[in-house]
N, C-alpha and C. Protein backbone atom coordinates (compact mmCIF):
# COMPACT_ATOMS: atom_id res chain seq x y z
N MET A 1 -69.64 87.79 52.52
CA MET A 1 -69.91 88.87 53.41
C MET A 1 -70.62 88.29 54.63
N LEU A 2 -70.16 88.66 55.77
CA LEU A 2 -70.65 88.10 57.01
C LEU A 2 -71.06 89.22 57.94
N GLU A 3 -72.30 89.20 58.42
CA GLU A 3 -72.72 90.19 59.40
C GLU A 3 -72.11 89.80 60.73
N VAL A 4 -71.48 90.76 61.40
CA VAL A 4 -70.77 90.46 62.64
C VAL A 4 -71.45 91.12 63.82
N PRO A 5 -71.39 90.48 65.00
CA PRO A 5 -71.97 91.08 66.20
C PRO A 5 -71.11 92.24 66.71
N VAL A 6 -71.70 93.07 67.55
CA VAL A 6 -71.02 94.25 68.09
C VAL A 6 -69.78 93.87 68.89
N ARG A 7 -69.82 92.76 69.60
CA ARG A 7 -68.70 92.38 70.47
C ARG A 7 -67.54 91.74 69.73
N GLN A 8 -67.68 91.53 68.44
CA GLN A 8 -66.60 90.95 67.63
C GLN A 8 -65.38 91.86 67.69
N THR A 9 -64.20 91.28 67.82
CA THR A 9 -62.98 92.08 67.86
C THR A 9 -62.12 91.77 66.65
N PHE A 10 -61.30 92.76 66.28
CA PHE A 10 -60.38 92.61 65.15
C PHE A 10 -59.01 93.08 65.59
N ALA A 11 -57.99 92.47 65.00
CA ALA A 11 -56.62 92.85 65.31
C ALA A 11 -56.33 94.22 64.71
N ASP A 12 -55.77 95.08 65.51
CA ASP A 12 -55.34 96.40 65.08
C ASP A 12 -53.82 96.44 65.29
N LEU A 13 -53.19 97.48 64.84
CA LEU A 13 -51.74 97.56 64.97
C LEU A 13 -51.28 97.57 66.42
N ASP A 14 -52.09 98.11 67.33
CA ASP A 14 -51.69 98.18 68.73
C ASP A 14 -52.58 97.33 69.64
N GLY A 15 -53.16 96.28 69.11
CA GLY A 15 -53.99 95.39 69.92
C GLY A 15 -55.29 95.04 69.23
N ARG A 16 -56.25 94.54 70.00
CA ARG A 16 -57.54 94.15 69.45
C ARG A 16 -58.57 95.23 69.75
N ARG A 17 -59.47 95.45 68.80
CA ARG A 17 -60.51 96.47 68.95
C ARG A 17 -61.87 95.85 68.67
N ARG A 18 -62.89 96.30 69.40
CA ARG A 18 -64.26 95.88 69.13
C ARG A 18 -64.77 96.61 67.91
N VAL A 19 -65.71 96.00 67.21
CA VAL A 19 -66.27 96.57 66.00
C VAL A 19 -66.90 97.92 66.28
N ASP A 20 -67.70 98.01 67.32
CA ASP A 20 -68.37 99.29 67.60
C ASP A 20 -67.37 100.38 67.96
N THR A 21 -66.24 100.02 68.56
CA THR A 21 -65.20 101.00 68.86
C THR A 21 -64.55 101.51 67.58
N LEU A 22 -64.24 100.59 66.66
CA LEU A 22 -63.65 100.98 65.38
C LEU A 22 -64.58 101.91 64.61
N VAL A 23 -65.85 101.55 64.52
CA VAL A 23 -66.81 102.36 63.77
C VAL A 23 -67.08 103.68 64.49
N GLY A 24 -67.08 103.68 65.80
CA GLY A 24 -67.27 104.91 66.55
C GLY A 24 -66.17 105.93 66.31
N ARG A 25 -64.99 105.46 65.95
CA ARG A 25 -63.86 106.35 65.66
C ARG A 25 -63.83 106.82 64.21
N ALA A 26 -64.77 106.36 63.41
CA ALA A 26 -64.79 106.75 61.99
C ALA A 26 -65.09 108.24 61.87
N PRO A 27 -64.32 108.96 61.06
CA PRO A 27 -64.60 110.39 60.89
C PRO A 27 -65.90 110.59 60.11
N ALA A 28 -66.48 111.77 60.23
CA ALA A 28 -67.75 112.08 59.57
C ALA A 28 -67.66 111.92 58.06
N GLU A 29 -66.49 112.24 57.49
CA GLU A 29 -66.35 112.13 56.02
C GLU A 29 -66.22 110.68 55.54
N ALA A 30 -66.12 109.73 56.46
CA ALA A 30 -66.06 108.32 56.07
C ALA A 30 -67.44 107.77 55.70
N TRP A 31 -68.50 108.46 56.14
CA TRP A 31 -69.87 107.99 55.88
C TRP A 31 -70.36 108.53 54.55
N HIS A 32 -70.90 107.63 53.73
CA HIS A 32 -71.43 107.99 52.40
C HIS A 32 -72.83 107.44 52.26
N ARG A 33 -73.73 108.25 51.72
CA ARG A 33 -75.11 107.81 51.51
C ARG A 33 -75.18 107.06 50.19
N VAL A 34 -75.53 105.77 50.29
CA VAL A 34 -75.61 104.89 49.12
C VAL A 34 -76.87 104.05 49.25
N SER A 35 -77.51 103.77 48.13
CA SER A 35 -78.70 102.93 48.12
C SER A 35 -78.29 101.46 48.21
N ALA A 36 -79.03 100.70 48.99
CA ALA A 36 -78.81 99.25 49.09
C ALA A 36 -79.69 98.51 48.10
N GLY A 37 -80.37 99.24 47.23
CA GLY A 37 -81.23 98.62 46.23
C GLY A 37 -82.69 98.96 46.47
N PRO A 38 -83.54 98.61 45.53
CA PRO A 38 -84.97 98.93 45.68
C PRO A 38 -85.61 98.04 46.74
N GLY A 39 -86.53 98.63 47.47
CA GLY A 39 -87.28 97.90 48.49
C GLY A 39 -88.76 98.05 48.25
N VAL A 40 -89.56 97.61 49.17
CA VAL A 40 -91.01 97.69 49.05
C VAL A 40 -91.47 99.14 49.01
N ARG A 41 -90.82 100.01 49.77
CA ARG A 41 -91.19 101.42 49.85
C ARG A 41 -90.26 102.33 49.06
N GLY A 42 -89.57 101.82 48.07
CA GLY A 42 -88.65 102.63 47.28
C GLY A 42 -87.20 102.24 47.57
N GLU A 43 -86.32 103.16 47.24
CA GLU A 43 -84.89 102.90 47.45
C GLU A 43 -84.58 102.80 48.94
N ARG A 44 -83.73 101.84 49.29
CA ARG A 44 -83.31 101.67 50.69
C ARG A 44 -81.96 102.37 50.85
N GLU A 45 -82.00 103.61 51.26
CA GLU A 45 -80.77 104.38 51.42
C GLU A 45 -80.28 104.32 52.86
N TYR A 46 -78.97 104.18 53.00
CA TYR A 46 -78.31 104.14 54.29
C TYR A 46 -77.02 104.93 54.19
N ASP A 47 -76.47 105.28 55.32
CA ASP A 47 -75.12 105.81 55.38
C ASP A 47 -74.18 104.63 55.58
N TRP A 48 -73.14 104.56 54.77
CA TRP A 48 -72.20 103.44 54.80
C TRP A 48 -70.80 103.97 55.11
N ALA A 49 -70.07 103.25 55.93
CA ALA A 49 -68.65 103.53 56.17
C ALA A 49 -67.89 102.24 55.86
N TRP A 50 -66.76 102.40 55.22
CA TRP A 50 -66.02 101.25 54.74
C TRP A 50 -64.56 101.41 55.13
N ALA A 51 -64.04 100.50 55.94
CA ALA A 51 -62.65 100.59 56.40
C ALA A 51 -61.88 99.35 56.00
N THR A 52 -60.67 99.55 55.53
CA THR A 52 -59.80 98.42 55.20
C THR A 52 -59.11 97.98 56.49
N LEU A 53 -59.20 96.70 56.79
CA LEU A 53 -58.57 96.15 57.99
C LEU A 53 -57.11 95.83 57.70
N PRO A 54 -56.26 95.87 58.71
CA PRO A 54 -54.83 95.60 58.48
C PRO A 54 -54.61 94.18 57.97
N ASN A 55 -53.62 94.06 57.09
CA ASN A 55 -53.24 92.76 56.55
C ASN A 55 -51.96 92.33 57.26
N PHE A 56 -52.03 91.22 57.95
CA PHE A 56 -50.86 90.72 58.66
C PHE A 56 -50.21 89.57 57.91
N GLY A 57 -50.33 89.60 56.57
CA GLY A 57 -49.70 88.58 55.73
C GLY A 57 -50.51 87.31 55.58
N ASP A 58 -51.77 87.32 56.04
CA ASP A 58 -52.57 86.11 55.98
C ASP A 58 -53.54 86.10 54.80
N LEU A 59 -53.47 87.10 53.91
CA LEU A 59 -54.39 87.19 52.78
C LEU A 59 -53.67 86.91 51.46
N PRO A 60 -54.39 86.31 50.50
CA PRO A 60 -53.79 86.12 49.18
C PRO A 60 -53.52 87.47 48.51
N ILE A 61 -52.59 87.49 47.60
CA ILE A 61 -52.25 88.72 46.87
C ILE A 61 -53.46 89.14 46.04
N GLY A 62 -53.77 90.44 46.08
CA GLY A 62 -54.89 90.97 45.31
C GLY A 62 -56.21 90.97 46.05
N PHE A 63 -56.24 90.53 47.31
CA PHE A 63 -57.46 90.50 48.10
C PHE A 63 -57.28 91.36 49.36
N THR A 64 -58.40 91.77 49.90
CA THR A 64 -58.38 92.59 51.10
C THR A 64 -59.53 92.22 52.01
N ARG A 65 -59.41 92.57 53.26
CA ARG A 65 -60.46 92.35 54.24
C ARG A 65 -60.92 93.73 54.69
N THR A 66 -62.23 93.98 54.61
CA THR A 66 -62.76 95.29 54.98
C THR A 66 -63.89 95.13 56.00
N LEU A 67 -64.14 96.21 56.70
CA LEU A 67 -65.25 96.29 57.63
C LEU A 67 -66.23 97.30 57.06
N LEU A 68 -67.45 96.86 56.85
CA LEU A 68 -68.50 97.71 56.30
C LEU A 68 -69.52 97.97 57.40
N ALA A 69 -69.87 99.22 57.59
CA ALA A 69 -70.87 99.59 58.59
C ALA A 69 -72.04 100.27 57.88
N ARG A 70 -73.25 99.84 58.21
CA ARG A 70 -74.47 100.41 57.62
C ARG A 70 -75.25 101.10 58.73
N ARG A 71 -75.46 102.42 58.58
CA ARG A 71 -76.16 103.20 59.60
C ARG A 71 -77.51 103.65 59.06
N SER A 72 -78.53 103.47 59.86
CA SER A 72 -79.88 103.87 59.50
C SER A 72 -79.98 105.39 59.46
N LEU A 73 -80.73 105.92 58.49
CA LEU A 73 -80.94 107.36 58.40
C LEU A 73 -81.90 107.85 59.49
N ASP A 74 -82.89 107.03 59.82
CA ASP A 74 -83.88 107.40 60.83
C ASP A 74 -83.34 107.27 62.25
N GLU A 75 -82.57 106.22 62.50
CA GLU A 75 -82.01 105.97 63.83
C GLU A 75 -80.50 105.79 63.71
N PRO A 76 -79.73 106.87 63.83
CA PRO A 76 -78.27 106.78 63.64
C PRO A 76 -77.58 105.82 64.60
N ALA A 77 -78.20 105.48 65.71
CA ALA A 77 -77.58 104.53 66.64
C ALA A 77 -77.73 103.08 66.16
N ASP A 78 -78.61 102.85 65.18
CA ASP A 78 -78.84 101.51 64.63
C ASP A 78 -77.82 101.25 63.53
N ILE A 79 -76.76 100.52 63.87
CA ILE A 79 -75.67 100.27 62.93
C ILE A 79 -75.47 98.76 62.80
N ALA A 80 -75.39 98.29 61.56
CA ALA A 80 -75.08 96.89 61.28
C ALA A 80 -73.65 96.82 60.76
N TYR A 81 -72.94 95.76 61.11
CA TYR A 81 -71.54 95.62 60.74
C TYR A 81 -71.36 94.38 59.88
N TYR A 82 -70.53 94.49 58.84
CA TYR A 82 -70.26 93.37 57.94
C TYR A 82 -68.75 93.22 57.79
N LEU A 83 -68.28 91.99 57.89
CA LEU A 83 -66.89 91.67 57.60
C LEU A 83 -66.85 91.19 56.15
N CYS A 84 -66.04 91.83 55.33
CA CYS A 84 -65.99 91.53 53.90
C CYS A 84 -64.61 91.04 53.50
N PHE A 85 -64.57 90.12 52.58
CA PHE A 85 -63.33 89.62 51.99
C PHE A 85 -63.54 89.66 50.49
N HIS A 86 -62.76 90.43 49.76
CA HIS A 86 -63.00 90.62 48.33
C HIS A 86 -61.72 91.07 47.63
N PRO A 87 -61.73 91.05 46.28
CA PRO A 87 -60.57 91.56 45.53
C PRO A 87 -60.37 93.05 45.79
N ASP A 88 -59.13 93.51 45.65
CA ASP A 88 -58.80 94.92 45.85
C ASP A 88 -59.56 95.86 44.92
N THR A 89 -59.98 95.36 43.77
CA THR A 89 -60.58 96.20 42.73
C THR A 89 -62.06 96.50 42.93
N VAL A 90 -62.69 95.94 43.95
CA VAL A 90 -64.12 96.13 44.18
C VAL A 90 -64.38 97.54 44.70
N ALA A 91 -65.40 98.20 44.15
CA ALA A 91 -65.76 99.55 44.56
C ALA A 91 -66.69 99.52 45.77
N ARG A 92 -66.72 100.62 46.50
CA ARG A 92 -67.56 100.74 47.70
C ARG A 92 -69.03 100.49 47.36
N GLU A 93 -69.52 101.04 46.26
CA GLU A 93 -70.92 100.88 45.89
C GLU A 93 -71.27 99.42 45.63
N GLN A 94 -70.32 98.65 45.06
CA GLN A 94 -70.57 97.24 44.82
C GLN A 94 -70.71 96.47 46.13
N VAL A 95 -69.89 96.80 47.11
CA VAL A 95 -69.97 96.12 48.40
C VAL A 95 -71.30 96.44 49.07
N GLY A 96 -71.76 97.69 48.98
CA GLY A 96 -73.05 98.08 49.53
C GLY A 96 -74.20 97.37 48.85
N THR A 97 -74.11 97.21 47.53
CA THR A 97 -75.15 96.50 46.79
C THR A 97 -75.22 95.03 47.20
N VAL A 98 -74.07 94.40 47.40
CA VAL A 98 -74.05 93.01 47.83
C VAL A 98 -74.64 92.89 49.24
N ALA A 99 -74.29 93.82 50.12
CA ALA A 99 -74.86 93.80 51.47
C ALA A 99 -76.38 93.99 51.41
N GLY A 100 -76.86 94.82 50.50
CA GLY A 100 -78.30 95.03 50.34
C GLY A 100 -79.02 93.83 49.77
N ALA A 101 -78.32 92.97 49.05
CA ALA A 101 -78.94 91.76 48.47
C ALA A 101 -79.25 90.72 49.53
N ARG A 102 -78.72 90.91 50.72
CA ARG A 102 -78.95 89.95 51.80
C ARG A 102 -80.43 89.76 52.09
N TRP A 103 -81.22 90.84 52.01
CA TRP A 103 -82.65 90.73 52.30
C TRP A 103 -83.36 89.83 51.30
N ALA A 104 -83.02 89.96 50.03
CA ALA A 104 -83.64 89.12 49.00
C ALA A 104 -83.29 87.65 49.22
N VAL A 105 -82.07 87.38 49.61
CA VAL A 105 -81.64 86.01 49.87
C VAL A 105 -82.40 85.45 51.07
N GLU A 106 -82.53 86.24 52.13
CA GLU A 106 -83.25 85.78 53.32
C GLU A 106 -84.72 85.53 53.01
N GLU A 107 -85.32 86.39 52.18
CA GLU A 107 -86.72 86.17 51.78
C GLU A 107 -86.86 84.88 50.98
N CYS A 108 -85.89 84.60 50.12
CA CYS A 108 -85.92 83.37 49.33
C CYS A 108 -85.84 82.15 50.25
N PHE A 109 -84.95 82.17 51.22
CA PHE A 109 -84.83 81.05 52.15
C PHE A 109 -86.10 80.90 52.99
N GLN A 110 -86.69 82.01 53.43
CA GLN A 110 -87.91 81.93 54.22
C GLN A 110 -89.05 81.34 53.39
N ALA A 111 -89.15 81.74 52.13
CA ALA A 111 -90.18 81.17 51.25
C ALA A 111 -89.95 79.67 51.05
N ALA A 112 -88.69 79.26 50.89
CA ALA A 112 -88.39 77.84 50.72
C ALA A 112 -88.72 77.06 51.99
N LYS A 113 -88.52 77.67 53.16
CA LYS A 113 -88.90 77.01 54.41
C LYS A 113 -90.41 76.85 54.50
N ASP A 114 -91.15 77.91 54.15
CA ASP A 114 -92.60 77.88 54.26
C ASP A 114 -93.24 76.97 53.23
N GLN A 115 -92.74 76.98 52.00
CA GLN A 115 -93.42 76.30 50.90
C GLN A 115 -92.87 74.91 50.60
N CYS A 116 -91.59 74.68 50.89
CA CYS A 116 -90.97 73.42 50.45
C CYS A 116 -90.34 72.61 51.57
N GLY A 117 -90.48 73.03 52.80
CA GLY A 117 -89.93 72.26 53.91
C GLY A 117 -88.42 72.28 54.00
N LEU A 118 -87.81 73.39 53.61
CA LEU A 118 -86.36 73.48 53.64
C LEU A 118 -85.80 73.19 55.04
N ASP A 119 -86.51 73.58 56.08
CA ASP A 119 -86.01 73.39 57.44
C ASP A 119 -86.56 72.14 58.12
N HIS A 120 -87.17 71.24 57.38
CA HIS A 120 -87.75 70.02 57.96
C HIS A 120 -86.85 68.82 57.66
N TYR A 121 -85.74 68.78 58.30
CA TYR A 121 -84.85 67.64 58.12
C TYR A 121 -84.32 67.19 59.46
N GLN A 122 -84.03 65.91 59.56
CA GLN A 122 -83.42 65.35 60.75
C GLN A 122 -82.32 64.42 60.27
N THR A 123 -81.19 64.97 60.03
CA THR A 123 -80.07 64.17 59.55
C THR A 123 -78.88 64.38 60.46
N ARG A 124 -77.97 63.44 60.40
CA ARG A 124 -76.77 63.53 61.22
C ARG A 124 -75.51 63.53 60.39
N LYS A 125 -75.67 63.37 59.10
CA LYS A 125 -74.51 63.34 58.22
C LYS A 125 -74.69 64.36 57.12
N TRP A 126 -73.58 64.74 56.51
CA TRP A 126 -73.58 65.79 55.51
C TRP A 126 -74.33 65.37 54.25
N THR A 127 -74.16 64.16 53.76
CA THR A 127 -74.75 63.73 52.49
C THR A 127 -76.28 63.78 52.52
N PRO A 128 -76.97 63.21 53.51
CA PRO A 128 -78.42 63.33 53.50
C PRO A 128 -78.90 64.77 53.68
N TRP A 129 -78.18 65.56 54.47
CA TRP A 129 -78.54 66.97 54.62
C TRP A 129 -78.43 67.68 53.28
N TYR A 130 -77.33 67.47 52.57
CA TYR A 130 -77.11 68.10 51.27
C TYR A 130 -78.19 67.69 50.27
N ARG A 131 -78.57 66.42 50.28
CA ARG A 131 -79.63 65.95 49.38
C ARG A 131 -80.96 66.62 49.70
N HIS A 132 -81.29 66.74 50.97
CA HIS A 132 -82.55 67.36 51.35
C HIS A 132 -82.58 68.84 50.95
N ILE A 133 -81.52 69.55 51.25
CA ILE A 133 -81.44 70.98 50.93
C ILE A 133 -81.51 71.18 49.42
N THR A 134 -80.79 70.37 48.67
CA THR A 134 -80.80 70.50 47.20
C THR A 134 -82.18 70.24 46.65
N LEU A 135 -82.85 69.21 47.11
CA LEU A 135 -84.19 68.89 46.61
C LEU A 135 -85.19 69.98 46.98
N ALA A 136 -85.12 70.49 48.21
CA ALA A 136 -86.04 71.56 48.63
C ALA A 136 -85.81 72.83 47.83
N MET A 137 -84.56 73.20 47.57
CA MET A 137 -84.28 74.40 46.79
C MET A 137 -84.67 74.21 45.32
N LEU A 138 -84.51 73.00 44.80
CA LEU A 138 -84.96 72.71 43.43
C LEU A 138 -86.48 72.83 43.34
N ALA A 139 -87.19 72.31 44.33
CA ALA A 139 -88.65 72.44 44.35
C ALA A 139 -89.06 73.91 44.45
N HIS A 140 -88.34 74.67 45.27
CA HIS A 140 -88.65 76.10 45.39
C HIS A 140 -88.40 76.83 44.07
N ALA A 141 -87.31 76.51 43.40
CA ALA A 141 -87.02 77.13 42.11
C ALA A 141 -88.11 76.79 41.09
N PHE A 142 -88.55 75.54 41.08
CA PHE A 142 -89.62 75.14 40.16
C PHE A 142 -90.89 75.94 40.44
N LEU A 143 -91.26 76.05 41.72
CA LEU A 143 -92.47 76.79 42.08
C LEU A 143 -92.34 78.28 41.72
N ALA A 144 -91.17 78.86 41.93
CA ALA A 144 -90.96 80.27 41.62
C ALA A 144 -91.07 80.52 40.12
N VAL A 145 -90.47 79.65 39.33
CA VAL A 145 -90.54 79.81 37.86
C VAL A 145 -91.97 79.59 37.38
N THR A 146 -92.64 78.59 37.92
CA THR A 146 -94.03 78.33 37.54
C THR A 146 -94.92 79.52 37.89
N ALA A 147 -94.75 80.07 39.08
CA ALA A 147 -95.56 81.22 39.49
C ALA A 147 -95.25 82.45 38.64
N ALA A 148 -94.00 82.61 38.25
CA ALA A 148 -93.62 83.78 37.44
C ALA A 148 -94.14 83.69 36.02
N THR A 149 -94.24 82.48 35.51
CA THR A 149 -94.67 82.34 34.11
C THR A 149 -96.16 82.07 33.97
N ASP A 150 -96.81 81.57 35.00
CA ASP A 150 -98.25 81.27 34.94
C ASP A 150 -98.91 81.70 36.25
N PRO A 151 -99.38 82.94 36.33
CA PRO A 151 -99.98 83.42 37.58
C PRO A 151 -101.18 82.60 38.02
N LYS A 152 -101.94 82.03 37.08
CA LYS A 152 -103.09 81.20 37.45
C LYS A 152 -102.65 79.95 38.20
N ALA A 153 -101.55 79.36 37.75
CA ALA A 153 -101.03 78.16 38.42
C ALA A 153 -100.59 78.50 39.83
N HIS A 154 -99.98 79.64 40.00
CA HIS A 154 -99.54 80.05 41.34
C HIS A 154 -100.73 80.27 42.27
N ALA A 155 -101.78 80.90 41.79
CA ALA A 155 -102.96 81.16 42.62
C ALA A 155 -103.61 79.86 43.06
N SER A 156 -103.74 78.90 42.16
CA SER A 156 -104.37 77.63 42.54
C SER A 156 -103.46 76.82 43.46
N TRP A 157 -102.15 76.92 43.27
CA TRP A 157 -101.23 76.19 44.13
C TRP A 157 -101.27 76.76 45.54
N GLU A 158 -101.33 78.09 45.66
CA GLU A 158 -101.33 78.74 46.96
C GLU A 158 -102.56 78.38 47.78
N THR A 159 -103.72 78.27 47.14
CA THR A 159 -104.95 77.96 47.88
C THR A 159 -105.04 76.49 48.25
N SER A 160 -104.28 75.63 47.59
CA SER A 160 -104.38 74.21 47.87
C SER A 160 -103.43 73.75 48.98
N GLN A 161 -102.64 74.67 49.54
CA GLN A 161 -101.69 74.30 50.57
C GLN A 161 -102.41 73.91 51.86
N SER A 162 -101.93 72.84 52.46
CA SER A 162 -102.47 72.43 53.74
C SER A 162 -101.74 73.17 54.85
N PRO A 163 -102.34 73.28 56.03
CA PRO A 163 -101.66 73.97 57.12
C PRO A 163 -100.39 73.25 57.52
N THR A 164 -99.48 73.97 58.13
CA THR A 164 -98.21 73.40 58.57
C THR A 164 -98.47 72.32 59.61
N SER A 165 -97.78 71.22 59.49
CA SER A 165 -97.97 70.08 60.38
C SER A 165 -96.80 69.98 61.34
N ALA A 166 -97.06 69.41 62.50
CA ALA A 166 -95.99 69.19 63.48
C ALA A 166 -95.27 67.87 63.20
N VAL A 167 -95.72 67.12 62.21
CA VAL A 167 -95.11 65.83 61.88
C VAL A 167 -93.78 66.09 61.19
N SER A 168 -92.75 65.37 61.60
CA SER A 168 -91.43 65.51 61.01
C SER A 168 -91.07 64.21 60.32
N TRP A 169 -91.03 64.23 58.99
CA TRP A 169 -90.73 63.02 58.22
C TRP A 169 -89.25 62.80 58.18
N GLN A 170 -88.87 61.51 58.23
CA GLN A 170 -87.45 61.18 58.19
C GLN A 170 -87.08 60.52 56.88
């Protein structure tokens, strides 16, 4: 699932259309209120519209490409767009749940950047980059499991952290 910018265009039967134009033409009955999962303040409910994009013979059998739009309940003009590629059998609620999981993934990456130096690399080739990312995510997984199973260990680890340094190790 890929979040797409407003200016992204997609092929339509009679030409190319911008994402915001396609979603703007969605009928009122296309919008469904679905939860994106639990959040800090309770369920994160949004209005979702889901459109199947035309297949011009470039997709494998049994798969489809869809456009998912998430509209805020508080600010209806605030709409996020997602380009999805999935099996034909996936339900609308499942696609919304996957889109809602994006926040948890982003929080995990941010924590790995803050705690394990995930973003502190200077490489020019794929192999050293892959090694650094793998080691940083392994360290983050170790810290997360340790903190989940031993809260005392997490508290002492958190207080022993040194401030972020401008030094970039190679």
